[in-house]
Amino acid sequence: MRALLVLLGIAALVILAGMATGFISIDQTRTAQLPRIEGGQAPEFKADVGRIDVGTETKTVEVPSIQVQKPGATPTPAQ
């Protein structure tokens, strides 16, 4: 139960941060009306959210080659 409340709190913080930065914009386009004898009307909202496009690109990258030589029978003198 506690984990669920923590997740809901984090989700609320993410939504508030998105609204504060302008990434998410929520506008009410129709107000709610209580039902009298019949019907009623639910509120309507329009949400504009930011868009992120992710693409790929093919490039050729030159990678240096490394050669490892095992020491021979005669060691090189230390300096």
PDB file of N, CA and C in Angstrom:
ATOM      1  N   MET A   1       0.819  -1.184   0.000  1.00  0.00           N
ATOM      2  CA  MET A   1       0.000   0.000   0.000  1.00  0.00           C
ATOM      3  C   MET A   1       0.872   1.261   0.000  1.00  0.00           C
ATOM      4  N   ARG A   2       1.928   1.210   0.805  1.00  0.00           N
ATOM      5  CA  ARG A   2       2.816   2.359   0.885  1.00  0.00           C
ATOM      6  C   ARG A   2       3.538   2.585  -0.447  1.00  0.00           C
ATOM      7  N   ALA A   3       3.913   1.493  -1.118  1.00  0.00           N
ATOM      8  CA  ALA A   3       4.596   1.607  -2.408  1.00  0.00           C
ATOM      9  C   ALA A   3       3.683   2.236  -3.452  1.00  0.00           C
ATOM     10  N   LEU A   4       2.399   1.889  -3.410  1.00  0.00           N
ATOM     11  CA  LEU A   4       1.441   2.474  -4.350  1.00  0.00           C
ATOM     12  C   LEU A   4       1.310   3.974  -4.128  1.00  0.00           C
ATOM     13  N   LEU A   5       1.268   4.402  -2.876  1.00  0.00           N
ATOM     14  CA  LEU A   5       1.183   5.831  -2.583  1.00  0.00           C
ATOM     15  C   LEU A   5       2.438   6.565  -3.034  1.00  0.00           C
ATOM     16  N   VAL A   6       3.585   5.933  -2.868  1.00  0.00           N
ATOM     17  CA  VAL A   6       4.839   6.547  -3.322  1.00  0.00           C
ATOM     18  C   VAL A   6       4.835   6.693  -4.841  1.00  0.00           C
ATOM     19  N   LEU A   7       4.379   5.664  -5.556  1.00  0.00           N
ATOM     20  CA  LEU A   7       4.325   5.739  -7.019  1.00  0.00           C
ATOM     21  C   LEU A   7       3.343   6.818  -7.487  1.00  0.00           C
ATOM     22  N   LEU A   8       2.197   6.928  -6.821  1.00  0.00           N
ATOM     23  CA  LEU A   8       1.239   7.983  -7.176  1.00  0.00           C
ATOM     24  C   LEU A   8       1.820   9.366  -6.908  1.00  0.00           C
ATOM     25  N   GLY A   9       2.557   9.506  -5.829  1.00  0.00           N
ATOM     26  CA  GLY A   9       3.200  10.781  -5.516  1.00  0.00           C
ATOM     27  C   GLY A   9       4.247  11.150  -6.553  1.00  0.00           C
ATOM     28  N   ILE A  10       5.035  10.184  -6.985  1.00  0.00           N
ATOM     29  CA  ILE A  10       6.055  10.441  -8.005  1.00  0.00           C
ATOM     30  C   ILE A  10       5.397  10.810  -9.328  1.00  0.00           C
ATOM     31  N   ALA A  11       4.316  10.112  -9.688  1.00  0.00           N
ATOM     32  CA  ALA A  11       3.606  10.432 -10.931  1.00  0.00           C
ATOM     33  C   ALA A  11       3.031  11.849 -10.877  1.00  0.00           C
ATOM     34  N   ALA A  12       2.493  12.240  -9.727  1.00  0.00           N
ATOM     35  CA  ALA A  12       1.957  13.591  -9.591  1.00  0.00           C
ATOM     36  C   ALA A  12       3.064  14.632  -9.723  1.00  0.00           C
ATOM     37  N   LEU A  13       4.233  14.359  -9.151  1.00  0.00           N
ATOM     38  CA  LEU A  13       5.357  15.295  -9.271  1.00  0.00           C
ATOM     39  C   LEU A  13       5.837  15.418 -10.712  1.00  0.00           C
ATOM     40  N   VAL A  14       5.857  14.310 -11.451  1.00  0.00           N
ATOM     41  CA  VAL A  14       6.274  14.349 -12.857  1.00  0.00           C
ATOM     42  C   VAL A  14       5.287  15.173 -13.676  1.00  0.00           C
ATOM     43  N   ILE A  15       4.002  14.991 -13.433  1.00  0.00           N
ATOM     44  CA  ILE A  15       2.993  15.766 -14.170  1.00  0.00           C
ATOM     45  C   ILE A  15       3.096  17.240 -13.823  1.00  0.00           C
ATOM     46  N   LEU A  16       3.264  17.573 -12.550  1.00  0.00           N
ATOM     47  CA  LEU A  16       3.408  18.975 -12.159  1.00  0.00           C
ATOM     48  C   LEU A  16       4.669  19.596 -12.757  1.00  0.00           C
ATOM     49  N   ALA A  17       5.760  18.853 -12.792  1.00  0.00           N
ATOM     50  CA  ALA A  17       6.995  19.374 -13.392  1.00  0.00           C
ATOM     51  C   ALA A  17       6.806  19.602 -14.890  1.00  0.00           C
ATOM     52  N   GLY A  18       6.106  18.699 -15.556  1.00  0.00           N
ATOM     53  CA  GLY A  18       5.830  18.880 -16.987  1.00  0.00           C
ATOM     54  C   GLY A  18       4.962  20.089 -17.249  1.00  0.00           C
ATOM     55  N   MET A  19       3.986  20.330 -16.391  1.00  0.00           N
ATOM     56  CA  MET A  19       3.131  21.502 -16.557  1.00  0.00           C
ATOM     57  C   MET A  19       3.896  22.788 -16.251  1.00  0.00           C
ATOM     58  N   ALA A  20       4.781  22.756 -15.264  1.00  0.00           N
ATOM     59  CA  ALA A  20       5.543  23.944 -14.897  1.00  0.00           C
ATOM     60  C   ALA A  20       6.538  24.338 -15.985  1.00  0.00           C
ATOM     61  N   THR A  21       7.090  23.357 -16.689  1.00  0.00           N
ATOM     62  CA  THR A  21       8.061  23.654 -17.739  1.00  0.00           C
ATOM     63  C   THR A  21       7.411  23.898 -19.094  1.00  0.00           C
ATOM     64  N   GLY A  22       6.107  23.709 -19.193  1.00  0.00           N
ATOM     65  CA  GLY A  22       5.420  23.938 -20.459  1.00  0.00           C
ATOM     66  C   GLY A  22       5.409  22.735 -21.374  1.00  0.00           C
ATOM     67  N   PHE A  23       5.884  21.607 -20.900  1.00  0.00           N
ATOM     68  CA  PHE A  23       5.894  20.391 -21.713  1.00  0.00           C
ATOM     69  C   PHE A  23       4.491  19.806 -21.830  1.00  0.00           C
ATOM     70  N   ILE A  24       3.664  20.024 -20.814  1.00  0.00           N
ATOM     71  CA  ILE A  24       2.282  19.555 -20.813  1.00  0.00           C
ATOM     72  C   ILE A  24       1.366  20.754 -20.587  1.00  0.00           C
ATOM     73  N   SER A  25       0.367  20.891 -21.431  1.00  0.00           N
ATOM     74  CA  SER A  25      -0.612  21.966 -21.289  1.00  0.00           C
ATOM     75  C   SER A  25      -2.005  21.351 -21.325  1.00  0.00           C
ATOM     76  N   ILE A  26      -2.779  21.548 -20.263  1.00  0.00           N
ATOM     77  CA  ILE A  26      -4.124  20.981 -20.179  1.00  0.00           C
ATOM     78  C   ILE A  26      -5.120  22.128 -20.066  1.00  0.00           C
ATOM     79  N   ASP A  27      -6.067  22.202 -21.005  1.00  0.00           N
ATOM     80  CA  ASP A  27      -7.094  23.242 -21.019  1.00  0.00           C
ATOM     81  C   ASP A  27      -8.465  22.588 -20.969  1.00  0.00           C
ATOM     82  N   GLN A  28      -9.373  23.179 -20.185  1.00  0.00           N
ATOM     83  CA  GLN A  28     -10.736  22.672 -20.120  1.00  0.00           C
ATOM     84  C   GLN A  28     -11.539  23.325 -21.231  1.00  0.00           C
ATOM     85  N   THR A  29     -12.118  22.512 -22.130  1.00  0.00           N
ATOM     86  CA  THR A  29     -12.847  23.044 -23.281  1.00  0.00           C
ATOM     87  C   THR A  29     -14.354  23.027 -23.073  1.00  0.00           C
ATOM     88  N   ARG A  30     -14.846  22.247 -22.112  1.00  0.00           N
ATOM     89  CA  ARG A  30     -16.281  22.191 -21.849  1.00  0.00           C
ATOM     90  C   ARG A  30     -16.472  22.011 -20.351  1.00  0.00           C
ATOM     91  N   THR A  31     -17.361  22.806 -19.755  1.00  0.00           N
ATOM     92  CA  THR A  31     -17.591  22.711 -18.319  1.00  0.00           C
ATOM     93  C   THR A  31     -18.552  21.577 -18.004  1.00  0.00           C
ATOM     94  N   ALA A  32     -18.536  21.149 -16.778  1.00  0.00           N
ATOM     95  CA  ALA A  32     -19.426  20.082 -16.336  1.00  0.00           C
ATOM     96  C   ALA A  32     -20.763  20.674 -15.914  1.00  0.00           C
ATOM     97  N   GLN A  33     -21.828  19.913 -16.096  1.00  0.00           N
ATOM     98  CA  GLN A  33     -23.156  20.304 -15.637  1.00  0.00           C
ATOM     99  C   GLN A  33     -23.758  19.138 -14.878  1.00  0.00           C
ATOM    100  N   LEU A  34     -24.363  19.456 -13.748  1.00  0.00           N
ATOM    101  CA  LEU A  34     -25.017  18.416 -12.964  1.00  0.00           C
ATOM    102  C   LEU A  34     -26.310  17.991 -13.640  1.00  0.00           C
ATOM    103  N   PRO A  35     -26.673  16.744 -13.519  1.00  0.00           N
ATOM    104  CA  PRO A  35     -27.929  16.302 -14.115  1.00  0.00           C
ATOM    105  C   PRO A  35     -29.123  16.841 -13.317  1.00  0.00           C
ATOM    106  N   ARG A  36     -30.097  17.335 -14.012  1.00  0.00           N
ATOM    107  CA  ARG A  36     -31.320  17.813 -13.352  1.00  0.00           C
ATOM    108  C   ARG A  36     -32.325  16.658 -13.388  1.00  0.00           C
ATOM    109  N   ILE A  37     -33.186  16.597 -14.321  1.00  0.00           N
ATOM    110  CA  ILE A  37     -34.111  15.479 -14.439  1.00  0.00           C
ATOM    111  C   ILE A  37     -33.477  14.403 -15.315  1.00  0.00           C
ATOM    112  N   GLU A  38     -32.841  14.828 -16.371  1.00  0.00           N
ATOM    113  CA  GLU A  38     -32.162  13.903 -17.278  1.00  0.00           C
ATOM    114  C   GLU A  38     -30.784  14.455 -17.619  1.00  0.00           C
ATOM    115  N   GLY A  39     -29.970  13.571 -18.052  1.00  0.00           N
ATOM    116  CA  GLY A  39     -28.701  13.960 -18.655  1.00  0.00           C
ATOM    117  C   GLY A  39     -27.707  14.554 -17.684  1.00  0.00           C
ATOM    118  N   GLY A  40     -27.000  15.491 -18.167  1.00  0.00           N
ATOM    119  CA  GLY A  40     -25.862  16.085 -17.495  1.00  0.00           C
ATOM    120  C   GLY A  40     -24.738  16.152 -18.508  1.00  0.00           C
ATOM    121  N   GLN A  41     -23.631  16.659 -18.083  1.00  0.00           N
ATOM    122  CA  GLN A  41     -22.532  16.807 -19.039  1.00  0.00           C
ATOM    123  C   GLN A  41     -21.210  16.637 -18.302  1.00  0.00           C
ATOM    124  N   ALA A  42     -20.394  15.780 -18.804  1.00  0.00           N
ATOM    125  CA  ALA A  42     -19.062  15.588 -18.231  1.00  0.00           C
ATOM    126  C   ALA A  42     -18.125  16.667 -18.774  1.00  0.00           C
ATOM    127  N   PRO A  43     -17.135  17.071 -17.985  1.00  0.00           N
ATOM    128  CA  PRO A  43     -16.186  18.065 -18.493  1.00  0.00           C
ATOM    129  C   PRO A  43     -15.318  17.463 -19.586  1.00  0.00           C
ATOM    130  N   GLU A  44     -14.825  18.330 -20.455  1.00  0.00           N
ATOM    131  CA  GLU A  44     -13.946  17.886 -21.540  1.00  0.00           C
ATOM    132  C   GLU A  44     -12.655  18.672 -21.455  1.00  0.00           C
ATOM    133  N   PHE A  45     -11.554  17.982 -21.646  1.00  0.00           N
ATOM    134  CA  PHE A  45     -10.246  18.615 -21.561  1.00  0.00           C
ATOM    135  C   PHE A  45      -9.471  18.374 -22.838  1.00  0.00           C
ATOM    136  N   LYS A  46      -8.635  19.332 -23.189  1.00  0.00           N
ATOM    137  CA  LYS A  46      -7.728  19.190 -24.326  1.00  0.00           C
ATOM    138  C   LYS A  46      -6.311  19.249 -23.770  1.00  0.00           C
ATOM    139  N   ALA A  47      -5.516  18.244 -24.068  1.00  0.00           N
ATOM    140  CA  ALA A  47      -4.145  18.184 -23.556  1.00  0.00           C
ATOM    141  C   ALA A  47      -3.172  18.272 -24.720  1.00  0.00           C
ATOM    142  N   ASP A  48      -2.313  19.269 -24.675  1.00  0.00           N
ATOM    143  CA  ASP A  48      -1.219  19.396 -25.641  1.00  0.00           C
ATOM    144  C   ASP A  48       0.058  18.995 -24.930  1.00  0.00           C
ATOM    145  N   VAL A  49       0.708  17.983 -25.444  1.00  0.00           N
ATOM    146  CA  VAL A  49       1.951  17.526 -24.829  1.00  0.00           C
ATOM    147  C   VAL A  49       3.086  17.681 -25.828  1.00  0.00           C
ATOM    148  N   GLY A  50       4.290  17.823 -25.307  1.00  0.00           N
ATOM    149  CA  GLY A  50       5.458  17.960 -26.154  1.00  0.00           C
ATOM    150  C   GLY A  50       5.741  16.687 -26.918  1.00  0.00           C
ATOM    151  N   ARG A  51       6.541  16.817 -27.943  1.00  0.00           N
ATOM    152  CA  ARG A  51       6.865  15.665 -28.776  1.00  0.00           C
ATOM    153  C   ARG A  51       8.380  15.536 -28.863  1.00  0.00           C
ATOM    154  N   ILE A  52       8.839  14.325 -28.749  1.00  0.00           N
ATOM    155  CA  ILE A  52      10.266  14.043 -28.849  1.00  0.00           C
ATOM    156  C   ILE A  52      10.466  13.086 -30.011  1.00  0.00           C
ATOM    157  N   ASP A  53      11.296  13.476 -30.957  1.00  0.00           N
ATOM    158  CA  ASP A  53      11.609  12.618 -32.095  1.00  0.00           C
ATOM    159  C   ASP A  53      13.008  12.043 -31.896  1.00  0.00           C
ATOM    160  N   VAL A  54      13.103  10.748 -32.004  1.00  0.00           N
ATOM    161  CA  VAL A  54      14.383  10.063 -31.863  1.00  0.00           C
ATOM    162  C   VAL A  54      14.676   9.364 -33.184  1.00  0.00           C
ATOM    163  N   GLY A  55      15.846   9.620 -33.727  1.00  0.00           N
ATOM    164  CA  GLY A  55      16.209   9.000 -34.993  1.00  0.00           C
ATOM    165  C   GLY A  55      17.568   8.330 -34.897  1.00  0.00           C
ATOM    166  N   THR A  56      17.925   7.648 -35.952  1.00  0.00           N
ATOM    167  CA  THR A  56      19.231   7.003 -36.004  1.00  0.00           C
ATOM    168  C   THR A  56      19.990   7.544 -37.208  1.00  0.00           C
ATOM    169  N   GLU A  57      21.283   7.418 -37.135  1.00  0.00           N
ATOM    170  CA  GLU A  57      22.141   7.920 -38.193  1.00  0.00           C
ATOM    171  C   GLU A  57      23.326   6.961 -38.318  1.00  0.00           C
ATOM    172  N   THR A  58      23.713   6.625 -39.541  1.00  0.00           N
ATOM    173  CA  THR A  58      24.832   5.722 -39.768  1.00  0.00           C
ATOM    174  C   THR A  58      26.084   6.546 -40.039  1.00  0.00           C
ATOM    175  N   LYS A  59      27.123   6.283 -39.263  1.00  0.00           N
ATOM    176  CA  LYS A  59      28.390   6.981 -39.438  1.00  0.00           C
ATOM    177  C   LYS A  59      29.521   5.975 -39.400  1.00  0.00           C
ATOM    178  N   THR A  60      30.615   6.300 -40.050  1.00  0.00           N
ATOM    179  CA  THR A  60      31.819   5.476 -40.019  1.00  0.00           C
ATOM    180  C   THR A  60      32.804   6.134 -39.066  1.00  0.00           C
ATOM    181  N   VAL A  61      33.240   5.388 -38.077  1.00  0.00           N
ATOM    182  CA  VAL A  61      34.157   5.903 -37.074  1.00  0.00           C
ATOM    183  C   VAL A  61      35.457   5.132 -37.181  1.00  0.00           C
ATOM    184  N   GLU A  62      36.579   5.854 -37.256  1.00  0.00           N
ATOM    185  CA  GLU A  62      37.880   5.210 -37.333  1.00  0.00           C
ATOM    186  C   GLU A  62      38.332   4.843 -35.926  1.00  0.00           C
ATOM    187  N   VAL A  63      38.642   3.561 -35.741  1.00  0.00           N
ATOM    188  CA  VAL A  63      39.042   3.061 -34.434  1.00  0.00           C
ATOM    189  C   VAL A  63      40.515   2.703 -34.501  1.00  0.00           C
ATOM    190  N   PRO A  64      41.308   3.155 -33.535  1.00  0.00           N
ATOM    191  CA  PRO A  64      42.730   2.812 -33.572  1.00  0.00           C
ATOM    192  C   PRO A  64      42.937   1.321 -33.296  1.00  0.00           C
ATOM    193  N   SER A  65      43.964   0.779 -33.933  1.00  0.00           N
ATOM    194  CA  SER A  65      44.266  -0.643 -33.709  1.00  0.00           C
ATOM    195  C   SER A  65      45.358  -0.754 -32.641  1.00  0.00           C
ATOM    196  N   ILE A  66      45.273  -1.788 -31.858  1.00  0.00           N
ATOM    197  CA  ILE A  66      46.237  -2.020 -30.779  1.00  0.00           C
ATOM    198  C   ILE A  66      46.906  -3.362 -31.034  1.00  0.00           C
ATOM    199  N   GLN A  67      48.218  -3.359 -30.945  1.00  0.00           N
ATOM    200  CA  GLN A  67      48.973  -4.598 -31.122  1.00  0.00           C
ATOM    201  C   GLN A  67      49.713  -4.908 -29.830  1.00  0.00           C
ATOM    202  N   VAL A  68      49.583  -6.132 -29.367  1.00  0.00           N
ATOM    203  CA  VAL A  68      50.260  -6.575 -28.149  1.00  0.00           C
ATOM    204  C   VAL A  68      51.313  -7.588 -28.545  1.00  0.00           C
ATOM    205  N   GLN A  69      52.531  -7.341 -28.122  1.00  0.00           N
ATOM    206  CA  GLN A  69      53.621  -8.259 -28.425  1.00  0.00           C
ATOM    207  C   GLN A  69      54.088  -8.892 -27.128  1.00  0.00           C
ATOM    208  N   LYS A  70      54.229 -10.195 -27.150  1.00  0.00           N
ATOM    209  CA  LYS A  70      54.728 -10.897 -25.975  1.00  0.00           C
ATOM    210  C   LYS A  70      56.233 -10.669 -25.885  1.00  0.00           C
ATOM    211  N   PRO A  71      56.739 -10.601 -24.668  1.00  0.00           N
ATOM    212  CA  PRO A  71      58.187 -10.388 -24.544  1.00  0.00           C
ATOM    213  C   PRO A  71      58.966 -11.587 -25.091  1.00  0.00           C
ATOM    214  N   GLY A  72      60.087 -11.295 -25.758  1.00  0.00           N
ATOM    215  CA  GLY A  72      60.907 -12.326 -26.347  1.00  0.00           C
ATOM    216  C   GLY A  72      61.809 -13.016 -25.314  1.00  0.00           C
ATOM    217  N   ALA A  73      62.713 -13.805 -25.814  1.00  0.00           N
ATOM    218  CA  ALA A  73      63.641 -14.528 -24.920  1.00  0.00           C
ATOM    219  C   ALA A  73      64.606 -13.570 -24.256  1.00  0.00           C
ATOM    220  N   THR A  74      64.921 -12.487 -24.944  1.00  0.00           N
ATOM    221  CA  THR A  74      65.877 -11.518 -24.375  1.00  0.00           C
ATOM    222  C   THR A  74      65.092 -10.264 -23.967  1.00  0.00           C
ATOM    223  N   PRO A  75      65.104  -9.949 -22.686  1.00  0.00           N
ATOM    224  CA  PRO A  75      64.373  -8.744 -22.236  1.00  0.00           C
ATOM    225  C   PRO A  75      65.094  -7.488 -22.689  1.00  0.00           C
ATOM    226  N   THR A  76      64.324  -6.440 -22.870  1.00  0.00           N
ATOM    227  CA  THR A  76      64.932  -5.155 -23.264  1.00  0.00           C
ATOM    228  C   THR A  76      65.504  -4.501 -22.007  1.00  0.00           C
ATOM    229  N   PRO A  77      66.626  -3.847 -22.137  1.00  0.00           N
ATOM    230  CA  PRO A  77      67.247  -3.229 -20.949  1.00  0.00           C
ATOM    231  C   PRO A  77      66.404  -2.065 -20.422  1.00  0.00           C
ATOM    232  N   ALA A  78      66.331  -1.974 -19.104  1.00  0.00           N
ATOM    233  CA  ALA A  78      65.591  -0.876 -18.459  1.00  0.00           C
ATOM    234  C   ALA A  78      66.426   0.367 -18.462  1.00  0.00           C
ATOM    235  N   GLN A  79      65.812   1.493 -18.545  1.00  0.00           N
ATOM    236  CA  GLN A  79      66.564   2.753 -18.591  1.00  0.00           C
ATOM    237  C   GLN A  79      66.501   3.458 -17.272  1.00  0.00           C
TER     238      GLN A  79
END
